């Protein structure tokens, strides 16, 4: 076992895909963010109007290129204790999507947190987990920019108990990384709707680990496809703020 794994892996254990392509320059492209967040806002007519049709069309073309190449774009967000969050653009022909994975070099297989596609699965992150990953400042990854990290991980998020400053936080990220004309209103809509799964309720299970009640969530033990208790525990411990 290595004590300092590569930030952008040649492969992810238990995940069938690749080869991966590290493209940090995309984070400086406003159109990338419109495409990356598309499924998160597309079920809201108001959000689509706030983004604007010309931006959507160009962003859709870019997203299609990213999901249609021979390599799979990957972005890495480091966590404490050598854990990694990977955002992978899955470019299987006919089975395209974006996967959110959690891994540690001591694990035999990565944990699937969410997938952003027609058959959405999630949420995989609560608000405290999302902001902790965005704000930790660890430099061993794609970017240290908290705004970029927040938007990268946002499609995996769903939480019905966000704090009062959540809209301000998302507004700042949208203003910094996109060109939408009214980032504050867009942030309000996104915090209200929260993508395909909507807000989920997070609770503490017996044993002290966090779970939710999302009907499409791998972190809801009531779902038949949920992970085992031991795996849910290690996910919660790795993501703990």
Protein backbone atom coordinates (compact mmCIF):
# COMPACT_ATOMS: atom_id res chain seq x y z
CA UNK A 1 0.00 0.00 0.00
CA UNK A 2 1.34 3.43 -0.93
CA UNK A 3 1.20 6.32 1.54
CA UNK A 4 0.96 8.97 -1.16
CA UNK A 5 -1.13 7.76 -4.10
CA UNK A 6 -1.12 9.54 -7.43
CA UNK A 7 -3.75 12.30 -7.56
CA UNK A 8 -5.01 11.16 -10.96
CA UNK A 9 -5.00 7.36 -11.11
CA UNK A 10 -4.33 5.13 -14.09
CA UNK A 11 -7.24 3.03 -12.80
CA UNK A 12 -9.70 3.03 -9.93
CA UNK A 13 -10.08 -0.34 -8.18
CA UNK A 14 -13.50 -1.85 -8.73
CA UNK A 15 -14.37 0.64 -11.44
CA UNK A 16 -14.40 -0.48 -15.05
CA UNK A 17 -13.34 2.43 -17.20
CA UNK A 18 -10.70 4.62 -18.71
CA UNK A 19 -8.09 5.41 -19.77
CA UNK A 20 -8.48 8.62 -17.78
CA UNK A 21 -7.60 12.10 -19.00
CA UNK A 22 -6.73 14.86 -16.52
CA UNK A 23 -8.17 18.15 -17.90
CA UNK A 24 -7.86 20.87 -15.21
CA UNK A 25 -8.09 23.59 -17.87
CA UNK A 26 -11.80 22.83 -18.22
CA UNK A 27 -12.42 24.34 -14.79
CA UNK A 28 -11.63 27.77 -16.26
CA UNK A 29 -14.19 27.33 -19.04
CA UNK A 30 -17.62 28.78 -18.11
CA UNK A 31 -19.36 26.56 -20.66
CA UNK A 32 -18.00 23.47 -18.93
CA UNK A 33 -19.93 24.36 -15.79
CA UNK A 34 -23.19 24.90 -17.66
CA UNK A 35 -22.86 21.39 -19.10
CA UNK A 36 -21.63 19.83 -15.87
CA UNK A 37 -24.62 21.17 -13.94
CA UNK A 38 -27.17 20.60 -16.71
CA UNK A 39 -29.03 17.66 -15.18
CA UNK A 40 -29.02 19.39 -11.82
CA UNK A 41 -30.95 22.40 -13.12
CA UNK A 42 -32.71 21.09 -16.24
CA UNK A 43 -35.88 19.98 -14.44
CA UNK A 44 -36.52 23.59 -13.42
CA UNK A 45 -37.93 25.82 -16.16
CA UNK A 46 -36.82 28.93 -14.28
CA UNK A 47 -33.26 27.64 -13.90
CA UNK A 48 -33.04 26.91 -17.62
CA UNK A 49 -34.19 30.45 -18.39
CA UNK A 50 -31.57 31.85 -16.02
CA UNK A 51 -28.81 29.89 -17.76
CA UNK A 52 -30.00 30.89 -21.23
CA UNK A 53 -30.44 28.90 -24.45
CA UNK A 54 -27.22 29.95 -26.26
CA UNK A 55 -25.09 28.90 -23.29
CA UNK A 56 -26.95 25.62 -22.99
CA UNK A 57 -26.47 24.70 -26.64
CA UNK A 58 -22.73 25.36 -26.61
CA UNK A 59 -22.31 23.61 -23.27
CA UNK A 60 -24.23 20.58 -24.52
CA UNK A 61 -21.85 20.28 -27.45
CA UNK A 62 -18.84 20.41 -25.12
CA UNK A 63 -20.37 17.83 -22.77
CA UNK A 64 -21.04 15.53 -25.72
CA UNK A 65 -17.39 15.75 -26.76
CA UNK A 66 -16.23 14.93 -23.24
CA UNK A 67 -18.55 11.92 -23.07
CA UNK A 68 -17.78 10.73 -26.58
CA UNK A 69 -14.00 10.50 -26.68
CA UNK A 70 -11.56 7.63 -26.36
CA UNK A 71 -10.41 8.85 -22.95
CA UNK A 72 -12.46 9.63 -19.85
CA UNK A 73 -12.01 13.07 -18.24
CA UNK A 74 -11.36 12.80 -14.50
CA UNK A 75 -11.21 15.35 -11.68
CA UNK A 76 -9.83 14.63 -8.22
CA UNK A 77 -10.78 16.21 -4.91
CA UNK A 78 -8.54 15.06 -2.03
CA UNK A 79 -9.86 14.41 1.46
CA UNK A 80 -8.12 13.87 4.77
CA UNK A 81 -6.29 10.60 5.39
CA UNK A 82 -5.43 10.02 1.70
CA UNK A 83 -9.07 9.55 0.68
CA UNK A 84 -10.02 10.79 -2.77
CA UNK A 85 -13.24 11.89 -4.42
CA UNK A 86 -13.17 11.23 -8.16
CA UNK A 87 -15.52 12.84 -10.66
CA UNK A 88 -15.33 10.71 -13.81
CA UNK A 89 -16.91 11.43 -17.19
CA UNK A 90 -17.97 7.92 -18.17
CA UNK A 91 -17.59 7.70 -21.96
CA UNK A 92 -19.01 4.26 -22.68
CA UNK A 93 -20.90 4.53 -26.00
CA UNK A 94 -24.59 4.28 -25.20
CA UNK A 95 -23.96 4.43 -21.44
CA UNK A 96 -22.55 7.91 -20.89
CA UNK A 97 -22.72 9.75 -17.59
CA UNK A 98 -20.74 11.25 -14.73
CA UNK A 99 -19.77 9.06 -11.79
CA UNK A 100 -18.86 10.23 -8.29
CA UNK A 101 -16.51 7.80 -6.55
CA UNK A 102 -14.78 7.66 -3.17
CA UNK A 103 -11.58 5.71 -2.67
CA UNK A 104 -8.67 5.13 -0.34
CA UNK A 105 -5.47 3.24 -1.29
CA UNK A 106 -6.17 0.71 1.43
CA UNK A 107 -9.55 -0.24 -0.01
CA UNK A 108 -9.94 -3.08 -2.46
CA UNK A 109 -12.69 -1.24 -4.32
CA UNK A 110 -13.95 2.31 -4.69
CA UNK A 111 -17.33 3.32 -3.31
CA UNK A 112 -19.86 4.64 -5.80
CA UNK A 113 -21.54 7.73 -4.28
CA UNK A 114 -23.71 9.01 -7.13
CA UNK A 115 -24.15 8.95 -10.88
CA UNK A 116 -25.41 11.82 -13.01
CA UNK A 117 -27.24 10.48 -16.06
CA UNK A 118 -30.71 9.46 -17.23
CA UNK A 119 -30.83 6.84 -14.44
CA UNK A 120 -29.68 9.19 -11.69
CA UNK A 121 -28.43 7.79 -8.40
CA UNK A 122 -27.93 9.93 -5.32
CA UNK A 123 -27.58 11.97 -3.28
CA UNK A 124 -24.18 10.89 -2.07
CA UNK A 125 -23.21 14.04 -0.15
CA UNK A 126 -24.83 16.13 2.54
CA UNK A 127 -24.20 19.88 2.70
CA UNK A 128 -21.57 19.61 5.50
CA UNK A 129 -19.76 16.87 3.54
CA UNK A 130 -19.90 18.89 0.32
CA UNK A 131 -18.51 22.06 1.85
CA UNK A 132 -15.87 20.20 3.87
CA UNK A 133 -14.53 18.65 0.66
CA UNK A 134 -14.63 22.01 -1.10
CA UNK A 135 -12.89 23.90 1.68
CA UNK A 136 -10.19 21.57 2.99
CA UNK A 137 -7.42 23.30 1.03
CA UNK A 138 -5.53 20.08 0.35
CA UNK A 139 -3.43 20.61 -2.75
CA UNK A 140 -3.02 17.02 -3.88
CA UNK A 141 -5.69 17.00 -6.58
CA UNK A 142 -7.18 18.79 -9.57
CA UNK A 143 -7.65 22.18 -7.92
CA UNK A 144 -7.54 23.90 -4.54
CA UNK A 145 -10.20 26.40 -5.62
CA UNK A 146 -13.20 25.98 -3.31
CA UNK A 147 -15.65 27.39 -5.87
CA UNK A 148 -14.62 24.85 -8.51
CA UNK A 149 -14.75 21.99 -6.02
CA UNK A 150 -18.21 22.98 -4.84
CA UNK A 151 -19.58 23.02 -8.39
CA UNK A 152 -17.77 19.79 -9.35
CA UNK A 153 -19.43 17.91 -6.50
CA UNK A 154 -22.79 19.69 -6.50
CA UNK A 155 -24.63 17.11 -8.68
CA UNK A 156 -23.91 14.48 -6.01
CA UNK A 157 -25.45 16.65 -3.28
CA UNK A 158 -28.91 16.65 -1.74
CA UNK A 159 -29.88 17.85 1.72
CA UNK A 160 -33.12 19.22 3.18
CA UNK A 161 -31.31 20.97 6.05
CA UNK A 162 -28.97 23.44 4.39
CA UNK A 163 -27.84 26.43 6.49
CA UNK A 164 -29.02 29.97 5.88
CA UNK A 165 -25.81 30.93 4.08
CA UNK A 166 -25.97 28.09 1.54
CA UNK A 167 -27.44 30.30 -1.20
CA UNK A 168 -24.70 32.90 -0.63
CA UNK A 169 -22.07 30.19 -0.84
CA UNK A 170 -23.42 28.78 -4.10
CA UNK A 171 -23.94 32.30 -5.50
CA UNK A 172 -20.25 33.07 -4.97
CA UNK A 173 -19.22 29.88 -6.78
CA UNK A 174 -21.54 30.54 -9.74
CA UNK A 175 -20.36 34.14 -9.98
CA UNK A 176 -16.72 33.08 -9.93
CA UNK A 177 -16.99 30.23 -12.42
CA UNK A 178 -19.91 30.94 -14.78
CA UNK A 179 -21.29 33.82 -16.81
CA UNK A 180 -24.94 33.55 -15.80
CA UNK A 181 -26.46 37.00 -15.42
CA UNK A 182 -28.23 36.37 -12.11
CA UNK A 183 -26.14 33.88 -10.10
CA UNK A 184 -27.99 34.68 -6.88
CA UNK A 185 -31.39 33.74 -8.26
CA UNK A 186 -29.98 30.64 -9.92
CA UNK A 187 -28.43 29.62 -6.59
CA UNK A 188 -31.80 30.09 -4.88
CA UNK A 189 -33.52 27.85 -7.43
CA UNK A 190 -30.82 25.17 -7.24
CA UNK A 191 -30.90 25.09 -3.44
CA UNK A 192 -34.67 24.74 -3.53
CA UNK A 193 -34.93 22.02 -6.19
CA UNK A 194 -31.61 20.17 -5.73
CA UNK A 195 -31.56 18.24 -8.97
CA UNK A 196 -33.24 14.99 -9.99
CA UNK A 197 -33.49 13.52 -6.48
CA UNK A 198 -34.52 16.66 -4.61
CA UNK A 199 -33.57 17.36 -1.00
CA UNK A 200 -32.95 14.29 1.16
CA UNK A 201 -33.17 13.98 4.91
CA UNK A 202 -29.92 12.99 6.61
CA UNK A 203 -29.96 11.19 9.94
CA UNK A 204 -27.52 9.32 12.16
CA UNK A 205 -27.93 5.55 12.09
CA UNK A 206 -27.39 3.30 15.06
CA UNK A 207 -23.63 3.04 15.10
CA UNK A 208 -23.10 6.76 14.59
CA UNK A 209 -22.76 7.01 10.79
CA UNK A 210 -24.72 9.29 8.46
CA UNK A 211 -27.40 7.98 6.09
CA UNK A 212 -30.22 9.55 4.10
CA UNK A 213 -33.72 8.71 2.91
CA UNK A 214 -33.21 9.32 -0.82
CA UNK A 215 -35.08 6.77 -2.92
CA UNK A 216 -32.19 6.65 -5.40
CA UNK A 217 -29.37 6.88 -2.87
CA UNK A 218 -26.71 4.27 -2.22
CA UNK A 219 -26.47 5.74 1.29
CA UNK A 220 -30.07 4.89 2.14
CA UNK A 221 -30.01 1.43 3.80
CA UNK A 222 -33.71 1.00 3.02
CA UNK A 223 -32.91 0.73 -0.71
CA UNK A 224 -32.27 -2.78 -2.00
CA UNK A 225 -29.16 -1.55 -3.86
CA UNK A 226 -27.66 0.23 -0.84
CA UNK A 227 -24.22 -0.71 0.39
CA UNK A 228 -23.69 -2.84 3.48
CA UNK A 229 -23.51 -1.21 6.90
CA UNK A 230 -19.73 -1.65 7.07
CA UNK A 231 -19.30 0.11 3.73
CA UNK A 232 -21.72 2.88 4.67
CA UNK A 233 -19.70 3.41 7.83
CA UNK A 234 -16.40 3.79 5.98
CA UNK A 235 -17.98 6.18 3.49
CA UNK A 236 -19.37 8.34 6.29
CA UNK A 237 -16.07 8.32 8.15
CA UNK A 238 -14.11 9.32 5.05
CA UNK A 239 -16.49 12.19 4.28
CA UNK A 240 -16.97 13.43 7.83
CA UNK A 241 -16.45 17.21 8.10
